[in-house]
């Protein structure tokens, strides 16, 4: 059970961003190149905080307002 802020953050990170299945990461790099390396922290912040809190929850059943 996660009790501290760090433990809770790590649990959310693990659930929201699972590691790719074995072999998938290599295939993605071969097929997709390295465009993902150009994404900045500001791009991520902008994408997260410019969405509506009214959006439907994803498979984890958490809406943006909860996060």
PDB file of N, CA and C in Angstrom:
ATOM      1  N   UNK A   1       0.847  -1.179   0.000  1.00  0.00           N
ATOM      2  CA  UNK A   1       0.000   0.000   0.000  1.00  0.00           C
ATOM      3  C   UNK A   1       0.895   1.246   0.000  1.00  0.00           C
ATOM      4  N   UNK A   2       0.617   2.161  -0.886  1.00  0.00           N
ATOM      5  CA  UNK A   2       1.377   3.408  -0.979  1.00  0.00           C
ATOM      6  C   UNK A   2       0.862   4.402   0.059  1.00  0.00           C
ATOM      7  N   UNK A   3       1.772   4.922   0.859  1.00  0.00           N
ATOM      8  CA  UNK A   3       1.378   5.879   1.880  1.00  0.00           C
ATOM      9  C   UNK A   3       1.998   7.253   1.660  1.00  0.00           C
ATOM     10  N   UNK A   4       3.273   7.292   1.289  1.00  0.00           N
ATOM     11  CA  UNK A   4       3.933   8.589   1.099  1.00  0.00           C
ATOM     12  C   UNK A   4       3.612   9.145  -0.291  1.00  0.00           C
ATOM     13  N   UNK A   5       3.852  10.438  -0.455  1.00  0.00           N
ATOM     14  CA  UNK A   5       3.633  11.099  -1.745  1.00  0.00           C
ATOM     15  C   UNK A   5       4.462  10.432  -2.837  1.00  0.00           C
ATOM     16  N   UNK A   6       5.718  10.106  -2.524  1.00  0.00           N
ATOM     17  CA  UNK A   6       6.604   9.479  -3.503  1.00  0.00           C
ATOM     18  C   UNK A   6       6.099   8.100  -3.918  1.00  0.00           C
ATOM     19  N   UNK A   7       5.626   7.314  -2.945  1.00  0.00           N
ATOM     20  CA  UNK A   7       5.097   5.984  -3.256  1.00  0.00           C
ATOM     21  C   UNK A   7       3.846   6.078  -4.129  1.00  0.00           C
ATOM     22  N   UNK A   8       2.988   7.028  -3.823  1.00  0.00           N
ATOM     23  CA  UNK A   8       1.769   7.212  -4.616  1.00  0.00           C
ATOM     24  C   UNK A   8       2.106   7.666  -6.030  1.00  0.00           C
ATOM     25  N   UNK A   9       3.047   8.594  -6.155  1.00  0.00           N
ATOM     26  CA  UNK A   9       3.453   9.073  -7.478  1.00  0.00           C
ATOM     27  C   UNK A   9       4.053   7.943  -8.303  1.00  0.00           C
ATOM     28  N   UNK A  10       4.870   7.112  -7.689  1.00  0.00           N
ATOM     29  CA  UNK A  10       5.477   5.985  -8.393  1.00  0.00           C
ATOM     30  C   UNK A  10       4.417   4.985  -8.837  1.00  0.00           C
ATOM     31  N   UNK A  11       3.430   4.734  -7.992  1.00  0.00           N
ATOM     32  CA  UNK A  11       2.350   3.811  -8.332  1.00  0.00           C
ATOM     33  C   UNK A  11       1.541   4.327  -9.524  1.00  0.00           C
ATOM     34  N   UNK A  12       1.212   5.611  -9.512  1.00  0.00           N
ATOM     35  CA  UNK A  12       0.482   6.203 -10.634  1.00  0.00           C
ATOM     36  C   UNK A  12       1.319   6.115 -11.902  1.00  0.00           C
ATOM     37  N   UNK A  13       2.607   6.420 -11.786  1.00  0.00           N
ATOM     38  CA  UNK A  13       3.504   6.363 -12.953  1.00  0.00           C
ATOM     39  C   UNK A  13       3.550   4.951 -13.536  1.00  0.00           C
ATOM     40  N   UNK A  14       3.670   3.946 -12.679  1.00  0.00           N
ATOM     41  CA  UNK A  14       3.721   2.562 -13.147  1.00  0.00           C
ATOM     42  C   UNK A  14       2.430   2.142 -13.841  1.00  0.00           C
ATOM     43  N   UNK A  15       1.287   2.575 -13.296  1.00  0.00           N
ATOM     44  CA  UNK A  15      -0.001   2.204 -13.874  1.00  0.00           C
ATOM     45  C   UNK A  15      -0.308   2.982 -15.151  1.00  0.00           C
ATOM     46  N   UNK A  16       0.027   4.263 -15.161  1.00  0.00           N
ATOM     47  CA  UNK A  16      -0.304   5.109 -16.307  1.00  0.00           C
ATOM     48  C   UNK A  16       0.658   4.910 -17.477  1.00  0.00           C
ATOM     49  N   UNK A  17       1.902   4.561 -17.174  1.00  0.00           N
ATOM     50  CA  UNK A  17       2.919   4.417 -18.217  1.00  0.00           C
ATOM     51  C   UNK A  17       3.640   3.086 -18.075  1.00  0.00           C
ATOM     52  N   UNK A  18       2.961   1.992 -18.375  1.00  0.00           N
ATOM     53  CA  UNK A  18       3.600   0.676 -18.230  1.00  0.00           C
ATOM     54  C   UNK A  18       4.765   0.518 -19.206  1.00  0.00           C
ATOM     55  N   UNK A  19       5.725  -0.280 -18.814  1.00  0.00           N
ATOM     56  CA  UNK A  19       6.867  -0.543 -19.692  1.00  0.00           C
ATOM     57  C   UNK A  19       6.380  -1.348 -20.896  1.00  0.00           C
ATOM     58  N   UNK A  20       6.977  -1.109 -22.083  1.00  0.00           N
ATOM     59  CA  UNK A  20       6.543  -1.858 -23.273  1.00  0.00           C
ATOM     60  C   UNK A  20       6.894  -3.334 -23.139  1.00  0.00           C
ATOM     61  N   UNK A  21       6.141  -4.160 -23.841  1.00  0.00           N
ATOM     62  CA  UNK A  21       6.417  -5.590 -23.832  1.00  0.00           C
ATOM     63  C   UNK A  21       7.784  -5.834 -24.429  1.00  0.00           C
ATOM     64  N   UNK A  22       8.382  -6.922 -24.060  1.00  0.00           N
ATOM     65  CA  UNK A  22       9.708  -7.267 -24.532  1.00  0.00           C
ATOM     66  C   UNK A  22       9.723  -7.303 -26.061  1.00  0.00           C
ATOM     67  N   UNK A  23      10.651  -6.589 -26.664  1.00  0.00           N
ATOM     68  CA  UNK A  23      10.789  -6.559 -28.110  1.00  0.00           C
ATOM     69  C   UNK A  23      10.028  -5.426 -28.782  1.00  0.00           C
ATOM     70  N   UNK A  24       9.015  -4.856 -28.120  1.00  0.00           N
ATOM     71  CA  UNK A  24       8.210  -3.804 -28.727  1.00  0.00           C
ATOM     72  C   UNK A  24       9.016  -2.511 -28.834  1.00  0.00           C
ATOM     73  N   UNK A  25       9.802  -2.209 -27.808  1.00  0.00           N
ATOM     74  CA  UNK A  25      10.574  -0.968 -27.813  1.00  0.00           C
ATOM     75  C   UNK A  25      11.559  -0.942 -28.979  1.00  0.00           C
ATOM     76  N   UNK A  26      12.259  -2.026 -29.195  1.00  0.00           N
ATOM     77  CA  UNK A  26      13.217  -2.086 -30.305  1.00  0.00           C
ATOM     78  C   UNK A  26      12.501  -1.909 -31.639  1.00  0.00           C
ATOM     79  N   UNK A  27      11.364  -2.571 -31.817  1.00  0.00           N
ATOM     80  CA  UNK A  27      10.609  -2.479 -33.055  1.00  0.00           C
ATOM     81  C   UNK A  27      10.126  -1.043 -33.276  1.00  0.00           C
ATOM     82  N   UNK A  28       9.663  -0.385 -32.219  1.00  0.00           N
ATOM     83  CA  UNK A  28       9.200   0.996 -32.331  1.00  0.00           C
ATOM     84  C   UNK A  28      10.337   1.916 -32.739  1.00  0.00           C
ATOM     85  N   UNK A  29      11.523   1.697 -32.202  1.00  0.00           N
ATOM     86  CA  UNK A  29      12.662   2.527 -32.561  1.00  0.00           C
ATOM     87  C   UNK A  29      13.057   2.307 -34.016  1.00  0.00           C
ATOM     88  N   UNK A  30      13.001   1.059 -34.473  1.00  0.00           N
ATOM     89  CA  UNK A  30      13.358   0.759 -35.858  1.00  0.00           C
ATOM     90  C   UNK A  30      12.355   1.366 -36.832  1.00  0.00           C
ATOM     91  N   UNK A  31      11.074   1.303 -36.488  1.00  0.00           N
ATOM     92  CA  UNK A  31      10.029   1.779 -37.389  1.00  0.00           C
ATOM     93  C   UNK A  31       9.763   3.275 -37.256  1.00  0.00           C
ATOM     94  N   UNK A  32       9.867   3.805 -36.045  1.00  0.00           N
ATOM     95  CA  UNK A  32       9.447   5.176 -35.801  1.00  0.00           C
ATOM     96  C   UNK A  32      10.552   6.207 -35.745  1.00  0.00           C
ATOM     97  N   UNK A  33      11.779   5.789 -35.834  1.00  0.00           N
ATOM     98  CA  UNK A  33      12.867   6.749 -35.776  1.00  0.00           C
ATOM     99  C   UNK A  33      13.033   7.340 -34.392  1.00  0.00           C
ATOM    100  N   UNK A  34      13.473   8.579 -34.352  1.00  0.00           N
ATOM    101  CA  UNK A  34      13.791   9.220 -33.079  1.00  0.00           C
ATOM    102  C   UNK A  34      13.039  10.530 -32.882  1.00  0.00           C
ATOM    103  N   UNK A  35      11.916  10.685 -33.536  1.00  0.00           N
ATOM    104  CA  UNK A  35      11.127  11.911 -33.418  1.00  0.00           C
ATOM    105  C   UNK A  35      10.692  12.162 -31.973  1.00  0.00           C
ATOM    106  N   UNK A  36      10.455  11.101 -31.212  1.00  0.00           N
ATOM    107  CA  UNK A  36      10.009  11.249 -29.829  1.00  0.00           C
ATOM    108  C   UNK A  36      11.021  12.006 -28.974  1.00  0.00           C
ATOM    109  N   UNK A  37      12.275  12.012 -29.367  1.00  0.00           N
ATOM    110  CA  UNK A  37      13.313  12.705 -28.599  1.00  0.00           C
ATOM    111  C   UNK A  37      13.152  14.220 -28.657  1.00  0.00           C
ATOM    112  N   UNK A  38      12.372  14.718 -29.607  1.00  0.00           N
ATOM    113  CA  UNK A  38      12.177  16.155 -29.757  1.00  0.00           C
ATOM    114  C   UNK A  38      11.070  16.697 -28.861  1.00  0.00           C
ATOM    115  N   UNK A  39      10.356  15.836 -28.157  1.00  0.00           N
ATOM    116  CA  UNK A  39       9.285  16.272 -27.258  1.00  0.00           C
ATOM    117  C   UNK A  39       9.913  16.865 -26.003  1.00  0.00           C
ATOM    118  N   UNK A  40       9.501  18.064 -25.654  1.00  0.00           N
ATOM    119  CA  UNK A  40      10.061  18.750 -24.494  1.00  0.00           C
ATOM    120  C   UNK A  40       9.120  18.651 -23.292  1.00  0.00           C
ATOM    121  N   UNK A  41       9.657  18.991 -22.128  1.00  0.00           N
ATOM    122  CA  UNK A  41       8.812  19.031 -20.929  1.00  0.00           C
ATOM    123  C   UNK A  41       7.680  20.037 -21.107  1.00  0.00           C
ATOM    124  N   UNK A  42       7.973  21.146 -21.784  1.00  0.00           N
ATOM    125  CA  UNK A  42       6.948  22.170 -22.027  1.00  0.00           C
ATOM    126  C   UNK A  42       5.832  21.623 -22.921  1.00  0.00           C
ATOM    127  N   UNK A  43       6.181  20.819 -23.929  1.00  0.00           N
ATOM    128  CA  UNK A  43       5.167  20.190 -24.785  1.00  0.00           C
ATOM    129  C   UNK A  43       4.236  19.312 -23.955  1.00  0.00           C
ATOM    130  N   UNK A  44       4.801  18.539 -23.042  1.00  0.00           N
ATOM    131  CA  UNK A  44       4.012  17.654 -22.197  1.00  0.00           C
ATOM    132  C   UNK A  44       3.120  18.463 -21.260  1.00  0.00           C
ATOM    133  N   UNK A  45       3.707  19.478 -20.626  1.00  0.00           N
ATOM    134  CA  UNK A  45       2.944  20.336 -19.696  1.00  0.00           C
ATOM    135  C   UNK A  45       1.769  20.988 -20.435  1.00  0.00           C
ATOM    136  N   UNK A  46       2.036  21.489 -21.635  1.00  0.00           N
ATOM    137  CA  UNK A  46       0.987  22.147 -22.420  1.00  0.00           C
ATOM    138  C   UNK A  46      -0.126  21.173 -22.792  1.00  0.00           C
ATOM    139  N   UNK A  47       0.248  19.965 -23.194  1.00  0.00           N
ATOM    140  CA  UNK A  47      -0.752  18.956 -23.570  1.00  0.00           C
ATOM    141  C   UNK A  47      -1.618  18.564 -22.372  1.00  0.00           C
ATOM    142  N   UNK A  48      -0.993  18.439 -21.211  1.00  0.00           N
ATOM    143  CA  UNK A  48      -1.744  18.044 -20.025  1.00  0.00           C
ATOM    144  C   UNK A  48      -2.686  19.123 -19.524  1.00  0.00           C
ATOM    145  N   UNK A  49      -2.173  20.339 -19.411  1.00  0.00           N
ATOM    146  CA  UNK A  49      -2.949  21.379 -18.747  1.00  0.00           C
ATOM    147  C   UNK A  49      -3.854  22.181 -19.674  1.00  0.00           C
ATOM    148  N   UNK A  50      -3.868  21.862 -20.953  1.00  0.00           N
ATOM    149  CA  UNK A  50      -4.778  22.536 -21.875  1.00  0.00           C
ATOM    150  C   UNK A  50      -5.985  21.671 -22.221  1.00  0.00           C
ATOM    151  N   UNK A  51      -6.164  20.576 -21.511  1.00  0.00           N
ATOM    152  CA  UNK A  51      -7.323  19.741 -21.775  1.00  0.00           C
ATOM    153  C   UNK A  51      -8.423  20.027 -20.748  1.00  0.00           C
ATOM    154  N   UNK A  52      -9.608  19.698 -21.113  1.00  0.00           N
ATOM    155  CA  UNK A  52     -10.769  19.939 -20.260  1.00  0.00           C
ATOM    156  C   UNK A  52     -10.815  18.942 -19.105  1.00  0.00           C
ATOM    157  N   UNK A  53     -11.204  19.423 -17.929  1.00  0.00           N
ATOM    158  CA  UNK A  53     -11.381  18.518 -16.798  1.00  0.00           C
ATOM    159  C   UNK A  53     -12.663  17.706 -16.955  1.00  0.00           C
ATOM    160  N   UNK A  54     -13.463  18.032 -17.954  1.00  0.00           N
ATOM    161  CA  UNK A  54     -14.720  17.323 -18.214  1.00  0.00           C
ATOM    162  C   UNK A  54     -14.527  16.095 -19.096  1.00  0.00           C
ATOM    163  N   UNK A  55     -13.311  15.861 -19.576  1.00  0.00           N
ATOM    164  CA  UNK A  55     -13.068  14.735 -20.479  1.00  0.00           C
ATOM    165  C   UNK A  55     -13.383  13.409 -19.797  1.00  0.00           C
ATOM    166  N   UNK A  56     -13.767  12.436 -20.612  1.00  0.00           N
ATOM    167  CA  UNK A  56     -14.087  11.105 -20.092  1.00  0.00           C
ATOM    168  C   UNK A  56     -12.823  10.431 -19.574  1.00  0.00           C
ATOM    169  N   UNK A  57     -12.956   9.606 -18.553  1.00  0.00           N
ATOM    170  CA  UNK A  57     -11.784   8.903 -18.034  1.00  0.00           C
ATOM    171  C   UNK A  57     -11.280   7.853 -19.016  1.00  0.00           C
ATOM    172  N   UNK A  58     -10.019   7.531 -18.883  1.00  0.00           N
ATOM    173  CA  UNK A  58      -9.415   6.493 -19.708  1.00  0.00           C
ATOM    174  C   UNK A  58      -9.630   5.124 -19.083  1.00  0.00           C
ATOM    175  N   UNK A  59      -8.865   4.133 -19.538  1.00  0.00           N
ATOM    176  CA  UNK A  59      -9.032   2.766 -19.025  1.00  0.00           C
ATOM    177  C   UNK A  59      -8.767   2.650 -17.524  1.00  0.00           C
ATOM    178  N   UNK A  60      -7.979   3.580 -16.970  1.00  0.00           N
ATOM    179  CA  UNK A  60      -7.697   3.557 -15.535  1.00  0.00           C
ATOM    180  C   UNK A  60      -8.825   4.190 -14.725  1.00  0.00           C
ATOM    181  N   UNK A  61      -9.847   4.720 -15.413  1.00  0.00           N
ATOM    182  CA  UNK A  61     -11.023   5.347 -14.814  1.00  0.00           C
ATOM    183  C   UNK A  61     -10.712   6.649 -14.085  1.00  0.00           C
ATOM    184  N   UNK A  62      -9.536   7.241 -14.324  1.00  0.00           N
ATOM    185  CA  UNK A  62      -9.177   8.510 -13.724  1.00  0.00           C
ATOM    186  C   UNK A  62      -9.348   9.627 -14.741  1.00  0.00           C
ATOM    187  N   UNK A  63     -10.117  10.648 -14.394  1.00  0.00           N
ATOM    188  CA  UNK A  63     -10.243  11.815 -15.246  1.00  0.00           C
ATOM    189  C   UNK A  63      -9.114  12.786 -14.942  1.00  0.00           C
ATOM    190  N   UNK A  64      -8.911  13.791 -15.779  1.00  0.00           N
ATOM    191  CA  UNK A  64      -7.810  14.739 -15.583  1.00  0.00           C
ATOM    192  C   UNK A  64      -7.952  15.507 -14.273  1.00  0.00           C
ATOM    193  N   UNK A  65      -9.170  15.799 -13.878  1.00  0.00           N
ATOM    194  CA  UNK A  65      -9.374  16.551 -12.631  1.00  0.00           C
ATOM    195  C   UNK A  65      -8.800  15.787 -11.439  1.00  0.00           C
ATOM    196  N   UNK A  66      -8.960  14.474 -11.427  1.00  0.00           N
ATOM    197  CA  UNK A  66      -8.417  13.656 -10.330  1.00  0.00           C
ATOM    198  C   UNK A  66      -6.906  13.651 -10.334  1.00  0.00           C
ATOM    199  N   UNK A  67      -6.326  13.626 -11.507  1.00  0.00           N
ATOM    200  CA  UNK A  67      -4.859  13.594 -11.613  1.00  0.00           C
ATOM    201  C   UNK A  67      -4.297  14.923 -11.239  1.00  0.00           C
TER     202      UNK A  67
END
